[in-house]
Amino acid sequence: MWRALRERLSPAVLARSFAALRDAQYRRWSIAAFVSGSGGTASTVAIAWLVVELGGDGVAFGAIVGVVMLPTLLAGSFAGMFVDRFSRRSVLLATHVLQMLVAAALAVLSFTGTAGLPALFALSLVQGLAFAADNPARQLLVLDLVGPEGTTSAVSMNEVVINASRIFGPAVAGAILAVGDPGWCFVFNAVSFLPSLVVLLRLRVPRISTERVPDGMQGRAPAAAHRPRSPWRFAMGTPRIRTTLLLAIGAAASYNIAVVMPLMASDVFHAGGGGYAAIAVAFGVGALPGALLSATGPAVPRSEEVRALAVALAGAVLLAAWSPVLGALLVTIALAGATSMWFIARANALVLLETPAAMRGRVMGIWAMMLPGSTVITGLLIGGLADLAGPRVAYAAVAVFLAVVVAVGWRALRTADV
C-alpha cells in the first residue's frame, strides 16, 4: 500500500497529473472558477439558512435543490446539444450574466425582508436554467483548452477548484451568518462572477483535434469504434458508462448535503447556522484532498477504480449518517467529501474519454442529468424520508443505493468489454 502511495506521489506522476496547469489560459480560468464557485457555495448556504428561518422542513429543502436542477434533469441532453453547436465561451458569458442577476435579486429580497419560499423557488428555477447549459459548457471549454491528453488532469484540477471553493465559500457564509444578514452572501456571489467574465472575454480557444484518442485508450473503448446518433443509445448501450451514470445519482445525493445537513445541525445536534456552515466546510476540507488524489491516478481511469471508490463512498456516507456527536460528524462528513470527489473526478473522466468527440456535449448533458440533475428527485425523496424517519435514516439510504448499484453492476465495471 505504501509503495503504491509513493508511486502515486512520485515527481513524474505528479508532473503528469497537474499537466493542465501548464496552460496559462487554463490557469486563469481555474482561478476565476474558484472565485465564482466560492460565491455559489456561499449563496447555497445562505439559501438553506433562509429556508430554516422561513420555517421550511425537509421537503422544502429538497424542493429548493430540486428546482435548481429541474431544467438539467428535463433538458440536460438538449442543453448538451446546444453546447455542441455553439461557442462554449458565448454560452458561458450568457449563463454567468444570468446568474449574477439572480444573485442580485436574492440580495435585494434578503435586505428588504421580502424573501419568501415562492420567491426562492422562482429564482432557483432561473438559476437552474442557467446551470443546465453552464455545466456541460464548462467541461467542454476545459477540453478545448487542454486537449484530450490533458482531460484527466483538467477534470481532476476542476474538482480541486470546486472543492477549494467548497471550503472558502461556506467559511465566508458562516462568518456572514454569524454577524450579519444573509444578503451579503448573495452580494458576494454576484461580485464573484466578474473575474470569470473578464477571463472569458479575453479567452482565445485554440483549434485542436478532439478526435485524437489519448494514450491508453486505443482499442479499449467501444465508443471509438461505434458512433450511434443517439447519445442515450450510446450511454445506455455501453455497460461501463451505464453503470457509472447510475452510480453518479448516488454520488450526487451524497454531496447534496444542503438537504439533510441543515436538519442534522438543527434537529439532531441542536447547532445553529454556524454549525451547519461547519459541516459544509468539513465536507469541503475532505473533498479537496479527494480531488487531489484523483489527479495522481492513471491518466486513463480504470473501471475497477471507479467501482472501488463507489464502495468506499457508500461506507463513508453510512458512517456520517450514524455519527454519535457533532465532532464525529465533522470527521466522517470530511471522509464522505474525500471519497465522493475522488469518485466523481475519476468517473467523469471515464465517461468523457470513452465518448466520441461529436457527441461529448450531449453525453455530458446526460452526465449532468444524473449528477447533479437527479437531485430534483433524490432531494425530494431524501427530504421526505428525513421528515418521516429522521435525517440519519435519510442519509444512510444514499449508502444503500450506492451499494445496490455496485452489486448489480459489478461485472460491468471491468476494464475490458467482452
Protein backbone atom coordinates (compact mmCIF):
# COMPACT_ATOMS: atom_id res chain seq x y z
CA MET A 1 0.00 0.00 0.00
CA TRP A 2 2.77 2.40 0.96
CA ARG A 3 4.67 1.52 -2.21
CA ALA A 4 1.61 2.31 -4.31
CA LEU A 5 1.17 5.61 -2.48
CA ARG A 6 4.81 6.55 -3.07
CA GLU A 7 4.41 5.76 -6.76
CA ARG A 8 1.34 7.98 -6.98
CA LEU A 9 3.22 10.84 -5.34
CA SER A 10 6.40 10.48 -7.37
CA PRO A 11 7.61 13.58 -9.27
CA ALA A 12 6.89 12.01 -12.67
CA VAL A 13 3.31 11.10 -11.74
CA LEU A 14 2.64 14.50 -10.17
CA ALA A 15 4.00 16.27 -13.26
CA ARG A 16 1.61 14.32 -15.46
CA SER A 17 -1.31 14.71 -13.07
CA PHE A 18 -1.05 18.51 -12.90
CA ALA A 19 -0.13 18.95 -16.57
CA ALA A 20 -3.24 21.05 -17.27
CA LEU A 21 -1.89 23.84 -15.07
CA ARG A 22 0.92 24.46 -17.57
CA ASP A 23 -1.59 26.18 -19.85
CA ALA A 24 -1.78 29.87 -18.91
CA GLN A 25 -5.38 30.29 -20.08
CA TYR A 26 -6.46 27.23 -18.13
CA ARG A 27 -4.77 28.61 -15.00
CA ARG A 28 -6.58 31.94 -15.34
CA TRP A 29 -9.88 30.16 -15.93
CA SER A 30 -9.31 27.94 -12.87
CA ILE A 31 -8.66 30.92 -10.61
CA ALA A 32 -11.79 32.66 -11.87
CA ALA A 33 -13.79 29.44 -11.44
CA PHE A 34 -12.60 29.19 -7.83
CA VAL A 35 -13.84 32.71 -7.11
CA SER A 36 -17.25 32.17 -8.74
CA GLY A 37 -17.55 28.72 -7.16
CA SER A 38 -16.90 30.23 -3.73
CA GLY A 39 -19.65 32.74 -4.32
CA GLY A 40 -22.01 29.99 -5.42
CA THR A 41 -21.39 27.81 -2.35
CA ALA A 42 -21.77 30.81 -0.05
CA SER A 43 -25.10 31.54 -1.72
CA THR A 44 -26.22 27.91 -1.29
CA VAL A 45 -25.51 28.05 2.45
CA ALA A 46 -27.41 31.34 2.71
CA ILE A 47 -30.44 29.97 0.84
CA ALA A 48 -30.52 26.87 3.06
CA TRP A 49 -30.46 29.04 6.18
CA LEU A 50 -33.16 31.32 4.79
CA VAL A 51 -35.35 28.24 4.37
CA VAL A 52 -34.70 27.38 8.05
CA GLU A 53 -35.65 30.91 9.11
CA LEU A 54 -38.82 30.73 6.99
CA GLY A 55 -39.86 27.54 8.79
CA GLY A 56 -39.13 25.14 5.95
CA ASP A 57 -38.91 21.39 6.53
CA GLY A 58 -37.02 18.56 4.81
CA VAL A 59 -39.37 18.57 1.82
CA ALA A 60 -38.79 22.31 1.39
CA PHE A 61 -35.01 21.79 1.39
CA GLY A 62 -35.32 19.03 -1.19
CA ALA A 63 -37.71 21.07 -3.32
CA ILE A 64 -35.43 24.12 -3.41
CA VAL A 65 -32.48 21.99 -4.53
CA GLY A 66 -34.74 20.11 -6.94
CA VAL A 67 -36.00 23.27 -8.62
CA VAL A 68 -32.41 24.35 -9.32
CA MET A 69 -31.71 21.04 -11.04
CA LEU A 70 -35.10 20.60 -12.75
CA PRO A 71 -34.01 22.11 -16.10
CA THR A 72 -30.89 19.91 -16.08
CA LEU A 73 -32.96 16.79 -15.39
CA LEU A 74 -35.55 17.54 -18.05
CA ALA A 75 -33.30 19.01 -20.73
CA GLY A 76 -29.72 18.04 -19.92
CA SER A 77 -29.08 16.31 -23.25
CA PHE A 78 -30.77 19.18 -25.13
CA ALA A 79 -28.53 21.68 -23.35
CA GLY A 80 -25.58 19.50 -24.31
CA MET A 81 -26.63 19.61 -27.96
CA PHE A 82 -26.77 23.40 -27.68
CA VAL A 83 -23.24 23.42 -26.28
CA ASP A 84 -22.06 21.09 -29.07
CA ARG A 85 -23.29 23.56 -31.71
CA PHE A 86 -22.33 26.94 -30.28
CA SER A 87 -19.23 28.56 -28.83
CA ARG A 88 -18.66 27.44 -25.25
CA ARG A 89 -17.39 30.91 -24.43
CA SER A 90 -20.57 32.59 -25.66
CA VAL A 91 -22.74 30.14 -23.72
CA LEU A 92 -20.76 30.75 -20.53
CA LEU A 93 -20.89 34.53 -20.90
CA ALA A 94 -24.68 34.34 -21.10
CA THR A 95 -25.06 31.92 -18.16
CA HIS A 96 -22.71 33.92 -15.95
CA VAL A 97 -24.58 37.18 -16.53
CA LEU A 98 -27.89 35.45 -15.76
CA GLN A 99 -26.52 34.00 -12.52
CA MET A 100 -25.24 37.43 -11.48
CA LEU A 101 -28.73 38.84 -11.92
CA VAL A 102 -30.25 36.03 -9.82
CA ALA A 103 -27.74 36.67 -7.02
CA ALA A 104 -28.50 40.39 -7.10
CA ALA A 105 -32.25 39.72 -6.88
CA LEU A 106 -31.73 37.40 -3.89
CA ALA A 107 -29.67 40.09 -2.16
CA VAL A 108 -32.43 42.66 -2.62
CA LEU A 109 -35.07 40.26 -1.24
CA SER A 110 -32.93 39.42 1.77
CA PHE A 111 -32.04 43.01 2.64
CA THR A 112 -35.63 44.18 2.29
CA GLY A 113 -37.04 41.30 4.32
CA THR A 114 -39.33 40.23 1.47
CA ALA A 115 -37.74 36.83 0.82
CA GLY A 116 -40.30 34.04 0.92
CA LEU A 117 -40.40 30.44 -0.25
CA PRO A 118 -42.24 31.28 -3.53
CA ALA A 119 -39.59 33.87 -4.44
CA LEU A 120 -36.79 31.46 -3.56
CA PHE A 121 -38.39 28.79 -5.75
CA ALA A 122 -38.78 31.18 -8.69
CA LEU A 123 -35.20 32.47 -8.54
CA SER A 124 -33.88 28.94 -8.03
CA LEU A 125 -35.65 27.91 -11.24
CA VAL A 126 -33.97 30.73 -13.16
CA GLN A 127 -30.65 29.69 -11.63
CA GLY A 128 -31.36 26.16 -12.81
CA LEU A 129 -31.97 27.28 -16.39
CA ALA A 130 -28.55 28.90 -16.43
CA PHE A 131 -26.89 25.90 -14.81
CA ALA A 132 -28.31 23.43 -17.36
CA ALA A 133 -26.18 24.99 -20.12
CA ASP A 134 -23.34 26.20 -17.87
CA ASN A 135 -22.27 22.76 -16.61
CA PRO A 136 -21.58 20.98 -19.95
CA ALA A 137 -20.15 24.20 -21.41
CA ARG A 138 -17.57 24.39 -18.60
CA GLN A 139 -16.48 20.80 -19.16
CA LEU A 140 -16.17 21.19 -22.93
CA LEU A 141 -14.35 24.53 -22.62
CA VAL A 142 -11.70 22.84 -20.47
CA LEU A 143 -11.30 20.10 -23.06
CA ASP A 144 -10.95 22.76 -25.77
CA LEU A 145 -8.17 24.41 -23.79
CA VAL A 146 -6.07 21.38 -22.80
CA GLY A 147 -6.89 18.77 -25.47
CA PRO A 148 -7.75 15.08 -24.99
CA GLU A 149 -4.42 14.11 -23.39
CA GLY A 150 -4.87 16.73 -20.69
CA THR A 151 -8.50 15.85 -19.99
CA THR A 152 -7.94 13.60 -16.97
CA SER A 153 -5.64 16.17 -15.39
CA ALA A 154 -8.06 19.00 -16.15
CA VAL A 155 -11.08 17.12 -14.75
CA SER A 156 -9.18 16.42 -11.52
CA MET A 157 -7.99 20.02 -11.28
CA ASN A 158 -11.57 21.13 -11.84
CA GLU A 159 -12.64 19.06 -8.84
CA VAL A 160 -9.80 20.64 -6.82
CA VAL A 161 -11.11 24.08 -7.76
CA ILE A 162 -14.70 23.14 -6.94
CA ASN A 163 -13.81 21.73 -3.56
CA ALA A 164 -11.45 24.54 -2.64
CA SER A 165 -14.45 26.78 -3.22
CA ARG A 166 -16.50 24.43 -1.01
CA ILE A 167 -14.11 25.31 1.80
CA PHE A 168 -13.78 29.04 1.22
CA GLY A 169 -17.39 29.78 0.24
CA PRO A 170 -19.09 28.18 3.28
CA ALA A 171 -16.42 29.70 5.55
CA VAL A 172 -17.33 33.15 4.22
CA ALA A 173 -21.02 32.35 4.57
CA GLY A 174 -20.56 31.12 8.13
CA ALA A 175 -18.79 34.33 9.09
CA ILE A 176 -21.53 36.42 7.48
CA LEU A 177 -24.39 34.44 9.06
CA ALA A 178 -22.75 34.74 12.48
CA VAL A 179 -22.70 38.54 12.40
CA GLY A 180 -24.91 39.84 9.61
CA ASP A 181 -27.64 39.49 7.02
CA PRO A 182 -27.60 36.52 4.59
CA GLY A 183 -27.99 39.08 1.82
CA TRP A 184 -24.25 39.75 1.95
CA CYS A 185 -23.68 36.15 0.84
CA PHE A 186 -25.67 36.92 -2.30
CA VAL A 187 -23.72 40.14 -2.86
CA PHE A 188 -20.52 38.11 -2.62
CA ASN A 189 -21.95 35.65 -5.16
CA ALA A 190 -22.89 38.36 -7.66
CA VAL A 191 -19.46 40.03 -7.49
CA SER A 192 -17.68 36.66 -7.76
CA PHE A 193 -18.70 36.29 -11.42
CA LEU A 194 -16.75 39.36 -12.51
CA PRO A 195 -13.34 37.60 -12.78
CA SER A 196 -14.88 34.82 -14.89
CA LEU A 197 -16.45 37.34 -17.25
CA VAL A 198 -13.11 39.12 -17.70
CA VAL A 199 -11.31 35.82 -18.42
CA LEU A 200 -13.98 34.69 -20.88
CA LEU A 201 -13.85 37.97 -22.77
CA ARG A 202 -10.07 37.66 -23.16
CA LEU A 203 -10.03 33.92 -23.84
CA ARG A 204 -8.58 32.56 -27.08
CA VAL A 205 -9.60 28.95 -27.55
CA PRO A 206 -7.05 27.02 -29.66
CA ARG A 207 -8.20 24.92 -32.58
CA ILE A 208 -7.40 21.34 -31.60
CA SER A 209 -8.39 17.90 -32.78
CA THR A 210 -10.71 16.44 -30.18
CA GLU A 211 -10.98 13.20 -32.15
CA ARG A 212 -7.45 12.09 -31.21
CA VAL A 213 -7.58 9.28 -28.67
CA PRO A 214 -5.24 9.78 -25.68
CA ASP A 215 -2.57 7.21 -24.91
CA GLY A 216 -4.02 4.18 -23.15
CA MET A 217 -7.49 4.42 -24.69
CA GLN A 218 -6.70 2.81 -28.08
CA GLY A 219 -8.63 -0.39 -28.52
CA ARG A 220 -10.21 -0.16 -25.08
CA ALA A 221 -13.45 1.72 -25.51
CA PRO A 222 -16.26 0.66 -27.82
CA ALA A 223 -17.01 4.38 -28.15
CA ALA A 224 -14.08 4.79 -30.50
CA ALA A 225 -15.49 2.25 -32.95
CA HIS A 226 -19.24 2.79 -32.68
CA ARG A 227 -20.81 6.20 -33.07
CA PRO A 228 -24.60 5.90 -32.73
CA ARG A 229 -26.57 9.01 -33.45
CA SER A 230 -28.44 8.94 -30.14
CA PRO A 231 -26.35 9.85 -27.09
CA TRP A 232 -28.86 7.96 -24.93
CA ARG A 233 -28.47 4.82 -27.02
CA PHE A 234 -24.71 5.11 -26.73
CA ALA A 235 -24.72 5.74 -22.96
CA MET A 236 -27.23 3.01 -22.13
CA GLY A 237 -25.62 0.56 -24.56
CA THR A 238 -22.13 0.85 -23.02
CA PRO A 239 -22.10 -1.18 -19.76
CA ARG A 240 -19.36 0.83 -18.02
CA ILE A 241 -20.98 4.16 -18.81
CA ARG A 242 -24.48 2.96 -17.94
CA THR A 243 -23.39 1.70 -14.51
CA THR A 244 -21.24 4.76 -13.87
CA LEU A 245 -24.17 7.06 -14.64
CA LEU A 246 -26.33 5.18 -12.12
CA LEU A 247 -23.60 5.49 -9.51
CA ALA A 248 -23.44 9.21 -10.29
CA ILE A 249 -27.01 9.52 -8.98
CA GLY A 250 -25.87 8.20 -5.60
CA ALA A 251 -22.76 10.38 -5.63
CA ALA A 252 -24.91 13.44 -6.30
CA ALA A 253 -27.14 12.57 -3.36
CA SER A 254 -24.10 12.06 -1.13
CA TYR A 255 -22.70 15.55 -1.72
CA ASN A 256 -26.11 17.22 -1.75
CA ILE A 257 -25.71 17.97 1.94
CA ALA A 258 -27.99 21.02 1.77
CA VAL A 259 -30.99 18.67 2.05
CA VAL A 260 -30.21 16.76 5.26
CA MET A 261 -27.31 18.51 6.96
CA PRO A 262 -29.23 21.66 8.00
CA LEU A 263 -31.65 19.27 9.71
CA MET A 264 -28.78 17.29 11.24
CA ALA A 265 -27.33 20.54 12.58
CA SER A 266 -30.59 21.93 13.96
CA ASP A 267 -32.65 18.85 14.94
CA VAL A 268 -30.04 16.21 15.85
CA PHE A 269 -27.13 18.23 17.26
CA HIS A 270 -29.00 21.46 18.09
CA ALA A 271 -26.37 23.67 16.40
CA GLY A 272 -27.20 26.96 14.68
CA GLY A 273 -26.22 28.40 11.32
CA GLY A 274 -22.59 28.28 12.33
CA GLY A 275 -22.92 24.54 12.98
CA TYR A 276 -24.32 23.88 9.53
CA ALA A 277 -21.60 26.05 7.98
CA ALA A 278 -19.00 24.00 9.90
CA ILE A 279 -20.43 20.80 8.41
CA ALA A 280 -20.29 22.30 4.92
CA VAL A 281 -16.69 23.42 5.48
CA ALA A 282 -15.74 19.95 6.78
CA PHE A 283 -17.18 18.37 3.65
CA GLY A 284 -15.12 20.74 1.52
CA VAL A 285 -11.98 20.15 3.59
CA GLY A 286 -12.31 16.42 2.91
CA ALA A 287 -13.27 16.86 -0.73
CA LEU A 288 -10.14 18.83 -1.60
CA PRO A 289 -7.62 16.01 -0.89
CA GLY A 290 -10.03 13.59 -2.57
CA ALA A 291 -9.83 15.62 -5.76
CA LEU A 292 -6.05 15.90 -5.43
CA LEU A 293 -5.76 12.13 -5.05
CA SER A 294 -7.83 11.64 -8.20
CA ALA A 295 -5.24 13.71 -10.09
CA THR A 296 -2.47 11.29 -9.07
CA GLY A 297 -4.21 8.27 -10.59
CA PRO A 298 -3.56 6.76 -14.01
CA ALA A 299 -4.04 9.10 -16.97
CA VAL A 300 -6.77 6.76 -18.23
CA PRO A 301 -9.31 5.95 -15.47
CA ARG A 302 -9.91 2.25 -14.78
CA SER A 303 -13.39 0.87 -14.26
CA GLU A 304 -12.25 -1.16 -11.25
CA GLU A 305 -11.02 2.05 -9.60
CA VAL A 306 -14.43 3.66 -10.08
CA ARG A 307 -16.06 0.57 -8.58
CA ALA A 308 -13.80 0.55 -5.52
CA LEU A 309 -14.37 4.26 -4.94
CA ALA A 310 -18.14 3.76 -5.08
CA VAL A 311 -17.86 1.11 -2.35
CA ALA A 312 -15.71 3.43 -0.24
CA LEU A 313 -18.21 6.26 -0.71
CA ALA A 314 -21.09 4.08 0.48
CA GLY A 315 -19.15 3.22 3.64
CA ALA A 316 -18.24 6.86 4.34
CA VAL A 317 -21.84 8.02 3.93
CA LEU A 318 -23.05 5.32 6.32
CA LEU A 319 -20.51 6.41 8.94
CA ALA A 320 -21.57 10.05 8.58
CA ALA A 321 -25.26 9.18 8.88
CA TRP A 322 -24.79 7.48 12.26
CA SER A 323 -22.16 9.75 13.82
CA PRO A 324 -22.96 9.96 17.55
CA VAL A 325 -21.71 13.52 18.16
CA LEU A 326 -21.10 16.63 16.06
CA GLY A 327 -17.32 16.22 16.21
CA ALA A 328 -17.60 12.70 14.76
CA LEU A 329 -19.92 14.01 12.05
CA LEU A 330 -17.36 16.62 11.03
CA VAL A 331 -14.73 13.90 10.61
CA THR A 332 -16.95 11.42 8.77
CA ILE A 333 -18.52 14.04 6.50
CA ALA A 334 -14.98 15.06 5.55
CA LEU A 335 -14.31 11.41 4.66
CA ALA A 336 -17.51 11.37 2.61
CA GLY A 337 -16.36 14.54 0.85
CA ALA A 338 -13.00 12.95 0.01
CA THR A 339 -14.43 9.74 -1.40
CA SER A 340 -17.25 11.45 -3.29
CA MET A 341 -14.95 13.87 -5.08
CA TRP A 342 -12.39 11.16 -5.79
CA PHE A 343 -15.17 9.03 -7.31
CA ILE A 344 -16.73 11.90 -9.25
CA ALA A 345 -13.45 13.03 -10.82
CA ARG A 346 -12.49 9.54 -12.00
CA ALA A 347 -15.99 8.64 -13.15
CA ASN A 348 -16.37 11.94 -15.01
CA ALA A 349 -13.09 11.42 -16.87
CA LEU A 350 -14.04 7.83 -17.68
CA VAL A 351 -17.32 8.86 -19.31
CA LEU A 352 -15.79 11.85 -21.09
CA LEU A 353 -12.86 9.95 -22.60
CA GLU A 354 -14.96 6.99 -23.73
CA THR A 355 -17.46 9.21 -25.58
CA PRO A 356 -16.98 10.12 -29.27
CA ALA A 357 -16.00 13.77 -29.68
CA ALA A 358 -19.03 14.58 -31.86
CA MET A 359 -21.47 13.81 -29.04
CA ARG A 360 -19.46 14.76 -25.95
CA GLY A 361 -21.64 17.78 -25.19
CA ARG A 362 -24.80 15.68 -25.30
CA VAL A 363 -23.37 12.83 -23.23
CA MET A 364 -22.02 15.35 -20.73
CA GLY A 365 -25.55 16.72 -20.67
CA ILE A 366 -26.73 13.23 -19.68
CA TRP A 367 -23.97 13.11 -17.06
CA ALA A 368 -25.29 16.42 -15.71
CA MET A 369 -28.81 14.95 -15.65
CA MET A 370 -27.52 12.21 -13.38
CA LEU A 371 -25.02 14.33 -11.45
CA PRO A 372 -26.37 16.67 -10.21
CA GLY A 373 -29.68 16.83 -12.13
CA SER A 374 -31.02 13.75 -10.36
CA THR A 375 -31.18 15.76 -7.13
CA VAL A 376 -34.57 17.02 -8.35
CA ILE A 377 -35.92 13.58 -7.45
CA THR A 378 -33.45 12.37 -4.82
CA GLY A 379 -33.64 15.68 -2.96
CA LEU A 380 -37.39 15.35 -2.56
CA LEU A 381 -37.17 11.66 -1.64
CA ILE A 382 -34.39 12.21 0.89
CA GLY A 383 -36.11 15.31 2.30
CA GLY A 384 -39.38 13.42 2.66
CA LEU A 385 -37.60 10.46 4.26
CA ALA A 386 -35.87 12.87 6.65
CA ASP A 387 -39.27 14.17 7.75
CA LEU A 388 -40.65 10.64 8.21
CA ALA A 389 -37.70 8.80 9.73
CA GLY A 390 -35.13 11.47 10.54
CA PRO A 391 -32.10 12.86 8.71
CA ARG A 392 -29.86 9.96 9.81
CA VAL A 393 -32.01 7.37 8.04
CA ALA A 394 -32.36 9.61 5.00
CA TYR A 395 -28.60 9.99 4.53
CA ALA A 396 -28.00 6.28 5.21
CA ALA A 397 -30.40 5.46 2.36
CA VAL A 398 -27.86 7.01 -0.04
CA ALA A 399 -25.27 4.43 1.07
CA VAL A 400 -27.77 1.61 0.50
CA PHE A 401 -28.49 2.84 -3.03
CA LEU A 402 -24.78 3.00 -3.91
CA ALA A 403 -24.18 -0.50 -2.53
CA VAL A 404 -27.06 -1.95 -4.55
CA VAL A 405 -25.90 -0.35 -7.82
CA VAL A 406 -22.33 -1.56 -7.26
CA ALA A 407 -23.57 -5.10 -6.59
CA VAL A 408 -25.77 -5.18 -9.69
CA GLY A 409 -23.16 -3.58 -11.94
CA TRP A 410 -20.10 -5.35 -10.53
CA ARG A 411 -19.29 -7.23 -13.74
CA ALA A 412 -19.95 -4.20 -15.95
CA LEU A 413 -17.27 -2.19 -14.18
CA ARG A 414 -14.29 -4.00 -15.55
CA THR A 415 -11.61 -2.76 -17.94
CA ALA A 416 -12.30 -4.97 -20.92
CA ASP A 417 -15.69 -5.19 -22.59
CA VAL A 418 -16.40 -8.66 -23.89
